[in-house]
Amino acid sequence: MQKERTPLLRKPSVQTLLASLVCILLGLLIGYIALLIINPAGAGQAIIAIVKNFWTYSKPATQIKNLGMTLVKTAPLLMCSLSVLFAYKVGLFNIGAAGQYVAGAGACIYCAIGLGWGWLPCMIASILAGALVGSISGILKAYRNVNEVISCIMLNWITLYLVNTLLANVKEPTSNYTYVISRHLVMVDGTATTVANPGAIMPSLGLENLFNNNKYVGLALPLAVLLAIAVWVLLNKTRLGYELRATGLNKNAAKYCGMQDRKNIVLTMAIAGGLAGIGAAMLYLTGLQQWSVTQSSVPSMGFNGIAAAFLGGLNPIGTIFSSLFIQHITDGGSFLDMRVYSAEISDFISSLIIYLCGFVLFFKTTLNKSLDRREEKAIRMAKGGKAS
């Protein structure tokens, strides 16, 4: 007997894709309306500039080089989105990805500059630091039933100021930024600045040649994609993944079946923290950014990971594309006319998309109800035709 095929619009993956596209279009539309309110004359060009990003440049070589910059920033965002996704699949909301990302940044930068380690030990240190911060929330949740949202938010700020204190030991004498990690001589205002431990830079694997000698493109991008695939395999194709998801669905039922519910909760938050931690290493071990030891706000990368996770339909493969889109829109804000608009308008549009992602389930429910009504109508008409 031939198995009945599921209609295309009934497939969860198709519904998720449609819901994400609706969120994106509505976010861009509301963002355009905001631009119209600020300055109607340039609103059209502004929204186009945000969407085009590096395509704004006329020379293909410049476009390719700036595409590389967007991809470099996409890798850590993808890891933060995987961190949020992984915990959510196990019934936990890891709003602490930002703090775990900060812990990873502090560990890899200090190990690179303060201890002179190579890129691989620095990356391992960032994973362990993120996992440690994540496991604290996991332990509090598993053994004292402390809501992970509360503990994660508090740890975000505790971690930020601890990292600022730690990295104050490896900052430049004349600024609030840590030393530059680079394989090349760095010029600032025509003079050479201090370069710390070029061996801590992640390998390029020759990928910089594909992006017009963009020296920041390297191992991080393919590694992030491989880790996204690994998370999908772990959650969907392994016994551990099944136990973790079962614990998230019903902790008591999982415990009754012999699963170690407390251990699974702690392990989940540790893995989620490690993913966010390695995301920081993927950015700072390229030499693209320095850390300011006076910053008083948690980097937005961890919070943007929430948007990417939900926009990708909470699917590890979907988050690859949603992370690229979120970063693309975020970088597009730099092409606005700063005399009229603020670059943060791109963050505003991203925030709108995050908010609208909360309606994905509503969209799916509405679509299914509409399909049910259409099928019922078709059945009634078919019965009526037979009766006649």
Protein backbone atom coordinates (compact mmCIF):
# COMPACT_ATOMS: atom_id res chain seq x y z
CA MET A 1 0.00 0.00 0.00
CA GLN A 2 1.45 3.34 -1.10
CA LYS A 3 2.00 5.83 1.68
CA GLU A 4 -0.03 9.04 1.34
CA ARG A 5 2.17 12.02 0.62
CA THR A 6 2.07 14.98 3.00
CA PRO A 7 0.91 18.19 1.27
CA LEU A 8 3.69 20.72 0.83
CA LEU A 9 2.09 23.35 3.07
CA ARG A 10 1.61 20.75 5.81
CA LYS A 11 5.34 20.08 6.13
CA PRO A 12 6.80 21.70 9.29
CA SER A 13 9.95 22.81 7.46
CA VAL A 14 7.93 24.61 4.78
CA GLN A 15 5.72 26.26 7.41
CA THR A 16 8.79 27.41 9.34
CA LEU A 17 10.34 28.85 6.18
CA LEU A 18 7.15 30.73 5.30
CA ALA A 19 6.78 32.03 8.85
CA SER A 20 10.40 33.25 8.85
CA LEU A 21 9.92 35.02 5.53
CA VAL A 22 6.79 36.73 6.85
CA CYS A 23 8.74 37.88 9.94
CA ILE A 24 11.52 39.27 7.75
CA LEU A 25 9.17 41.11 5.40
CA LEU A 26 7.10 42.58 8.24
CA GLY A 27 10.28 43.63 10.07
CA LEU A 28 11.61 45.40 6.98
CA LEU A 29 8.23 47.03 6.35
CA ILE A 30 7.94 48.41 9.89
CA GLY A 31 11.58 49.51 9.72
CA TYR A 32 10.81 51.35 6.49
CA ILE A 33 7.86 53.08 8.16
CA ALA A 34 10.20 54.19 10.99
CA LEU A 35 12.62 55.59 8.38
CA LEU A 36 9.73 57.43 6.74
CA ILE A 37 8.86 59.05 10.06
CA ILE A 38 12.47 60.16 10.63
CA ASN A 39 13.08 61.47 7.10
CA PRO A 40 10.63 60.62 4.29
CA ALA A 41 12.92 61.88 1.53
CA GLY A 42 15.67 59.33 2.08
CA ALA A 43 13.69 56.41 3.52
CA GLY A 44 13.67 54.39 0.31
CA GLN A 45 17.42 54.68 -0.22
CA ALA A 46 18.06 53.94 3.47
CA ILE A 47 16.13 50.64 3.58
CA ILE A 48 17.75 49.59 0.30
CA ALA A 49 21.20 50.36 1.73
CA ILE A 50 20.48 48.20 4.81
CA VAL A 51 19.32 45.28 2.68
CA LYS A 52 22.12 45.60 0.11
CA ASN A 53 24.97 45.91 2.67
CA PHE A 54 28.23 45.21 0.81
CA TRP A 55 26.43 45.21 -2.56
CA THR A 56 26.30 48.99 -2.16
CA TYR A 57 29.90 49.11 -3.44
CA SER A 58 30.29 49.29 -7.21
CA LYS A 59 33.56 47.34 -7.53
CA PRO A 60 33.22 43.51 -7.37
CA ALA A 61 36.56 43.20 -5.54
CA THR A 62 35.32 45.48 -2.76
CA GLN A 63 32.02 43.60 -2.60
CA ILE A 64 33.80 40.27 -2.18
CA LYS A 65 36.10 41.64 0.51
CA ASN A 66 33.20 43.06 2.52
CA LEU A 67 31.24 39.85 2.06
CA GLY A 68 34.17 38.19 3.83
CA MET A 69 33.80 40.64 6.73
CA THR A 70 30.12 39.77 7.10
CA LEU A 71 30.93 36.05 7.07
CA VAL A 72 33.64 36.51 9.71
CA LYS A 73 31.06 38.09 12.05
CA THR A 74 28.45 35.48 11.12
CA ALA A 75 30.52 32.62 12.57
CA PRO A 76 30.36 33.80 16.24
CA LEU A 77 26.70 34.78 15.81
CA LEU A 78 25.96 31.27 14.53
CA MET A 79 27.59 29.74 17.60
CA CYS A 80 25.55 31.95 19.93
CA SER A 81 22.37 30.98 18.10
CA LEU A 82 23.30 27.30 18.42
CA SER A 83 23.86 27.88 22.14
CA VAL A 84 20.35 29.28 22.55
CA LEU A 85 18.86 26.59 20.30
CA PHE A 86 20.57 23.70 22.08
CA ALA A 87 19.29 24.74 25.50
CA TYR A 88 15.80 25.47 24.15
CA LYS A 89 15.54 21.97 22.66
CA VAL A 90 16.07 20.63 26.17
CA GLY A 91 13.42 22.91 27.67
CA LEU A 92 15.78 25.64 28.92
CA PHE A 93 15.98 29.28 27.84
CA ASN A 94 19.65 30.21 27.70
CA ILE A 95 19.48 34.00 27.83
CA GLY A 96 22.98 33.76 29.31
CA ALA A 97 24.64 33.11 25.93
CA ALA A 98 25.87 36.72 26.10
CA GLY A 99 27.69 36.13 29.41
CA GLN A 100 29.07 32.80 28.21
CA TYR A 101 30.31 34.57 25.08
CA VAL A 102 32.02 37.17 27.30
CA ALA A 103 33.67 34.41 29.35
CA GLY A 104 34.99 32.81 26.16
CA ALA A 105 36.31 36.17 24.97
CA GLY A 106 38.11 36.82 28.25
CA ALA A 107 39.67 33.35 28.29
CA CYS A 108 40.96 33.35 24.71
CA ILE A 109 42.27 36.94 24.82
CA TYR A 110 44.06 36.48 28.14
CA CYS A 111 45.55 33.15 27.11
CA ALA A 112 46.70 34.62 23.80
CA ILE A 113 48.20 37.86 25.13
CA GLY A 114 48.90 37.21 28.79
CA LEU A 115 50.10 33.60 28.51
CA GLY A 116 51.30 33.53 24.91
CA TRP A 117 49.38 30.38 23.96
CA GLY A 118 48.64 29.26 20.40
CA TRP A 119 45.22 29.49 18.79
CA LEU A 120 44.09 25.94 19.59
CA PRO A 121 44.76 26.07 23.38
CA CYS A 122 43.16 29.53 23.42
CA MET A 123 40.07 28.15 21.71
CA ILE A 124 39.85 25.24 24.15
CA ALA A 125 40.15 27.72 27.02
CA SER A 126 37.25 29.74 25.61
CA ILE A 127 35.09 26.60 25.36
CA LEU A 128 35.86 25.63 28.96
CA ALA A 129 35.21 29.16 30.24
CA GLY A 130 31.83 29.36 28.49
CA ALA A 131 30.93 25.86 29.68
CA LEU A 132 31.83 26.78 33.26
CA VAL A 133 29.54 29.82 33.28
CA GLY A 134 26.77 27.83 31.61
CA SER A 135 27.09 24.94 34.05
CA ILE A 136 26.63 27.29 37.02
CA SER A 137 23.13 28.11 35.79
CA GLY A 138 22.60 24.42 35.07
CA ILE A 139 23.58 23.39 38.60
CA LEU A 140 21.35 26.04 40.16
CA LYS A 141 18.47 24.85 37.98
CA ALA A 142 19.02 21.13 38.54
CA TYR A 143 19.70 21.09 42.28
CA ARG A 144 17.93 24.22 43.60
CA ASN A 145 15.30 24.78 40.90
CA VAL A 146 16.53 28.34 40.33
CA ASN A 147 15.00 29.70 37.13
CA GLU A 148 17.74 29.67 34.49
CA VAL A 149 16.60 33.02 33.05
CA ILE A 150 17.24 34.79 36.38
CA SER A 151 20.61 33.11 37.04
CA CYS A 152 21.76 33.67 33.44
CA ILE A 153 20.93 37.39 33.48
CA MET A 154 22.78 37.88 36.77
CA LEU A 155 25.78 35.90 35.51
CA ASN A 156 25.92 38.03 32.34
CA TRP A 157 26.93 41.08 34.35
CA ILE A 158 29.09 39.24 36.87
CA THR A 159 31.05 37.69 33.99
CA LEU A 160 31.38 41.01 32.15
CA TYR A 161 33.02 42.82 35.06
CA LEU A 162 35.23 39.85 35.95
CA VAL A 163 36.48 39.74 32.36
CA ASN A 164 37.06 43.51 32.34
CA THR A 165 39.15 43.13 35.49
CA LEU A 166 41.12 40.21 34.07
CA LEU A 167 41.85 41.82 30.71
CA ALA A 168 42.97 45.08 32.34
CA ASN A 169 46.26 43.21 32.82
CA VAL A 170 46.79 42.87 29.05
CA LYS A 171 45.58 46.22 27.76
CA GLU A 172 47.57 48.82 25.89
CA PRO A 173 49.20 51.40 28.23
CA THR A 174 47.73 54.36 26.38
CA SER A 175 44.19 53.07 25.76
CA ASN A 176 41.39 51.02 27.27
CA TYR A 177 41.74 48.28 24.64
CA THR A 178 43.65 45.03 24.84
CA TYR A 179 46.69 44.54 22.65
CA VAL A 180 46.10 43.65 18.99
CA ILE A 181 46.33 39.99 18.03
CA SER A 182 47.46 39.88 14.41
CA ARG A 183 49.74 38.02 12.02
CA HIS A 184 50.49 41.29 10.22
CA LEU A 185 51.96 44.62 11.29
CA VAL A 186 49.11 46.83 12.46
CA MET A 187 49.20 50.52 11.57
CA VAL A 188 47.22 53.08 13.57
CA ASP A 189 47.30 56.71 12.36
CA GLY A 190 50.39 55.96 10.29
CA THR A 191 52.38 54.41 13.13
CA ALA A 192 52.91 50.78 14.09
CA THR A 193 51.13 49.61 17.20
CA THR A 194 52.01 46.70 19.45
CA VAL A 195 51.20 43.27 18.04
CA ALA A 196 50.76 40.51 20.60
CA ASN A 197 51.31 36.81 19.84
CA PRO A 198 50.64 36.35 16.10
CA GLY A 199 50.59 32.58 16.76
CA ALA A 200 47.21 32.95 18.42
CA ILE A 201 45.55 33.86 15.11
CA MET A 202 43.38 31.07 13.69
CA PRO A 203 44.64 29.48 10.45
CA SER A 204 43.39 31.03 7.23
CA LEU A 205 43.33 27.75 5.25
CA GLY A 206 43.83 29.87 2.15
CA LEU A 207 40.25 31.15 2.37
CA GLU A 208 41.40 34.77 2.42
CA ASN A 209 42.27 34.41 -1.28
CA LEU A 210 38.60 33.79 -2.08
CA PHE A 211 37.65 37.14 -0.53
CA ASN A 212 40.17 39.49 -2.11
CA ASN A 213 42.91 38.81 0.47
CA ASN A 214 40.67 39.52 3.45
CA LYS A 215 43.08 38.45 6.20
CA TYR A 216 40.31 37.90 8.76
CA VAL A 217 38.61 35.09 6.85
CA GLY A 218 39.81 31.65 7.92
CA LEU A 219 39.02 28.52 9.89
CA ALA A 220 36.16 30.04 11.90
CA LEU A 221 33.60 29.98 9.10
CA PRO A 222 33.83 26.30 8.03
CA LEU A 223 34.26 25.23 11.66
CA ALA A 224 31.04 27.02 12.64
CA VAL A 225 29.11 25.28 9.84
CA LEU A 226 30.52 21.88 10.86
CA LEU A 227 29.53 22.50 14.47
CA ALA A 228 25.98 23.39 13.37
CA ILE A 229 25.78 20.05 11.57
CA ALA A 230 27.26 18.30 14.61
CA VAL A 231 24.59 19.83 16.87
CA TRP A 232 21.86 18.62 14.49
CA VAL A 233 23.33 15.10 14.53
CA LEU A 234 23.69 15.12 18.32
CA LEU A 235 20.11 16.23 18.94
CA ASN A 236 18.42 14.06 16.32
CA LYS A 237 20.58 11.00 15.71
CA THR A 238 22.14 10.05 19.05
CA ARG A 239 20.95 8.47 22.27
CA LEU A 240 22.32 11.38 24.29
CA GLY A 241 20.33 13.83 22.17
CA TYR A 242 17.17 11.79 22.70
CA GLU A 243 17.69 11.75 26.46
CA LEU A 244 18.35 15.48 26.55
CA ARG A 245 15.20 16.26 24.56
CA ALA A 246 13.18 13.82 26.65
CA THR A 247 14.37 15.56 29.82
CA GLY A 248 13.29 18.88 28.38
CA LEU A 249 9.85 17.61 27.41
CA ASN A 250 9.09 16.01 30.77
CA LYS A 251 11.72 15.86 33.48
CA ASN A 252 9.67 13.58 35.71
CA ALA A 253 8.90 11.10 32.92
CA ALA A 254 12.56 11.04 31.91
CA LYS A 255 13.57 10.36 35.52
CA TYR A 256 10.98 7.56 35.73
CA CYS A 257 12.53 5.97 32.62
CA GLY A 258 15.92 5.88 34.32
CA MET A 259 17.41 8.99 32.74
CA GLN A 260 19.60 11.23 34.88
CA ASP A 261 17.54 14.40 34.68
CA ARG A 262 19.80 16.59 36.82
CA LYS A 263 22.93 15.51 35.01
CA ASN A 264 21.25 16.19 31.66
CA ILE A 265 20.26 19.71 32.70
CA VAL A 266 23.79 20.58 33.83
CA LEU A 267 25.29 18.95 30.73
CA THR A 268 22.92 20.88 28.47
CA MET A 269 23.87 24.24 29.94
CA ALA A 270 27.56 23.34 29.85
CA ILE A 271 27.37 22.43 26.15
CA ALA A 272 25.35 25.58 25.42
CA GLY A 273 27.94 27.67 27.27
CA GLY A 274 30.78 25.99 25.41
CA LEU A 275 29.16 26.81 22.07
CA ALA A 276 28.84 30.50 23.00
CA GLY A 277 32.40 30.49 24.34
CA ILE A 278 33.92 29.14 21.14
CA GLY A 279 31.92 31.78 19.26
CA ALA A 280 33.95 34.47 21.01
CA ALA A 281 37.18 32.73 20.06
CA MET A 282 36.06 32.65 16.43
CA LEU A 283 35.89 36.44 16.46
CA TYR A 284 38.76 37.58 18.68
CA LEU A 285 41.28 35.03 17.41
CA THR A 286 40.94 36.49 13.93
CA GLY A 287 42.41 39.78 15.17
CA LEU A 288 39.37 41.69 13.91
CA GLN A 289 38.45 43.26 17.26
CA GLN A 290 40.02 44.33 20.53
CA TRP A 291 38.31 44.18 23.92
CA SER A 292 37.58 47.42 25.78
CA VAL A 293 38.10 46.89 29.51
CA THR A 294 35.84 49.84 30.33
CA GLN A 295 32.73 48.65 28.51
CA SER A 296 29.66 48.57 30.71
CA SER A 297 27.31 46.65 28.43
CA VAL A 298 27.29 43.00 27.42
CA PRO A 299 28.10 42.47 23.71
CA SER A 300 24.97 42.14 21.60
CA MET A 301 26.24 38.98 19.88
CA GLY A 302 24.69 36.71 22.52
CA PHE A 303 21.30 38.42 22.35
CA ASN A 304 21.31 38.47 18.54
CA GLY A 305 21.79 34.72 18.78
CA ILE A 306 18.27 34.50 20.21
CA ALA A 307 16.91 36.14 17.04
CA ALA A 308 18.93 33.89 14.76
CA ALA A 309 17.83 30.75 16.62
CA PHE A 310 14.11 31.50 16.40
CA LEU A 311 14.28 32.96 12.89
CA GLY A 312 15.96 29.71 11.81
CA GLY A 313 13.01 27.75 13.14
CA LEU A 314 15.07 26.30 16.01
CA ASN A 315 16.81 24.11 13.46
CA PRO A 316 20.64 23.95 13.55
CA ILE A 317 20.82 24.05 9.74
CA GLY A 318 18.28 26.87 9.54
CA THR A 319 20.33 28.95 11.97
CA ILE A 320 23.22 29.01 9.48
CA PHE A 321 21.11 31.06 7.06
CA SER A 322 19.27 33.09 9.70
CA SER A 323 22.59 34.08 11.35
CA LEU A 324 23.92 35.24 7.99
CA PHE A 325 20.77 37.29 7.41
CA ILE A 326 20.80 38.91 10.87
CA GLN A 327 24.48 39.84 10.50
CA HIS A 328 23.88 41.08 6.96
CA ILE A 329 21.13 43.44 8.17
CA THR A 330 23.18 44.54 11.17
CA ASP A 331 26.21 45.41 9.02
CA GLY A 332 23.93 47.14 6.52
CA GLY A 333 23.28 49.89 9.05
CA SER A 334 26.80 51.20 8.49
CA PHE A 335 25.84 52.26 4.95
CA LEU A 336 23.18 54.72 6.11
CA ASP A 337 23.63 58.47 5.84
CA MET A 338 24.76 59.16 9.42
CA ARG A 339 23.82 62.81 9.10
CA VAL A 340 20.16 61.78 8.93
CA TYR A 341 19.85 58.29 10.37
CA SER A 342 21.48 56.40 13.20
CA ALA A 343 23.30 53.15 12.39
CA GLU A 344 21.28 51.55 15.18
CA ILE A 345 18.23 51.56 12.90
CA SER A 346 19.50 48.21 11.59
CA ASP A 347 19.49 46.89 15.17
CA PHE A 348 15.95 48.22 15.47
CA ILE A 349 14.90 46.21 12.41
CA SER A 350 16.64 43.12 13.82
CA SER A 351 14.77 43.65 17.09
CA LEU A 352 11.50 43.84 15.19
CA ILE A 353 12.27 40.54 13.51
CA ILE A 354 13.08 39.04 16.93
CA TYR A 355 9.73 40.25 18.26
CA LEU A 356 7.84 38.95 15.24
CA CYS A 357 9.51 35.56 15.59
CA GLY A 358 7.30 35.10 18.63
CA PHE A 359 4.37 34.86 16.22
CA VAL A 360 5.83 31.93 14.27
CA LEU A 361 3.70 29.46 16.23
CA PHE A 362 0.64 31.68 15.70
CA PHE A 363 1.36 31.74 11.97
CA LYS A 364 1.67 27.96 11.82
CA THR A 365 -1.56 27.48 13.79
CA THR A 366 -3.43 29.93 11.56
CA LEU A 367 -2.09 28.25 8.42
CA ASN A 368 -3.08 24.77 9.64
CA LYS A 369 -6.58 25.95 10.53
CA SER A 370 -6.95 27.49 7.08
CA LEU A 371 -5.79 24.25 5.45
CA ASP A 372 -8.20 22.24 7.63
CA ARG A 373 -11.14 24.42 6.55
CA ARG A 374 -10.16 24.11 2.92
CA GLU A 375 -9.90 20.33 3.17
CA GLU A 376 -13.26 20.08 4.95
CA LYS A 377 -14.87 22.20 2.24
CA ALA A 378 -13.35 20.00 -0.46
CA ILE A 379 -14.66 16.86 1.31
CA ARG A 380 -18.17 18.33 1.60
CA MET A 381 -18.19 19.29 -2.05
CA ALA A 382 -16.97 15.81 -3.03
CA LYS A 383 -19.72 14.18 -0.95
CA GLY A 384 -22.31 16.50 -2.44
CA GLY A 385 -21.18 15.62 -5.94
CA LYS A 386 -21.46 11.89 -5.23
CA ALA A 387 -24.93 12.31 -3.70
CA SER A 388 -26.18 14.08 -6.79
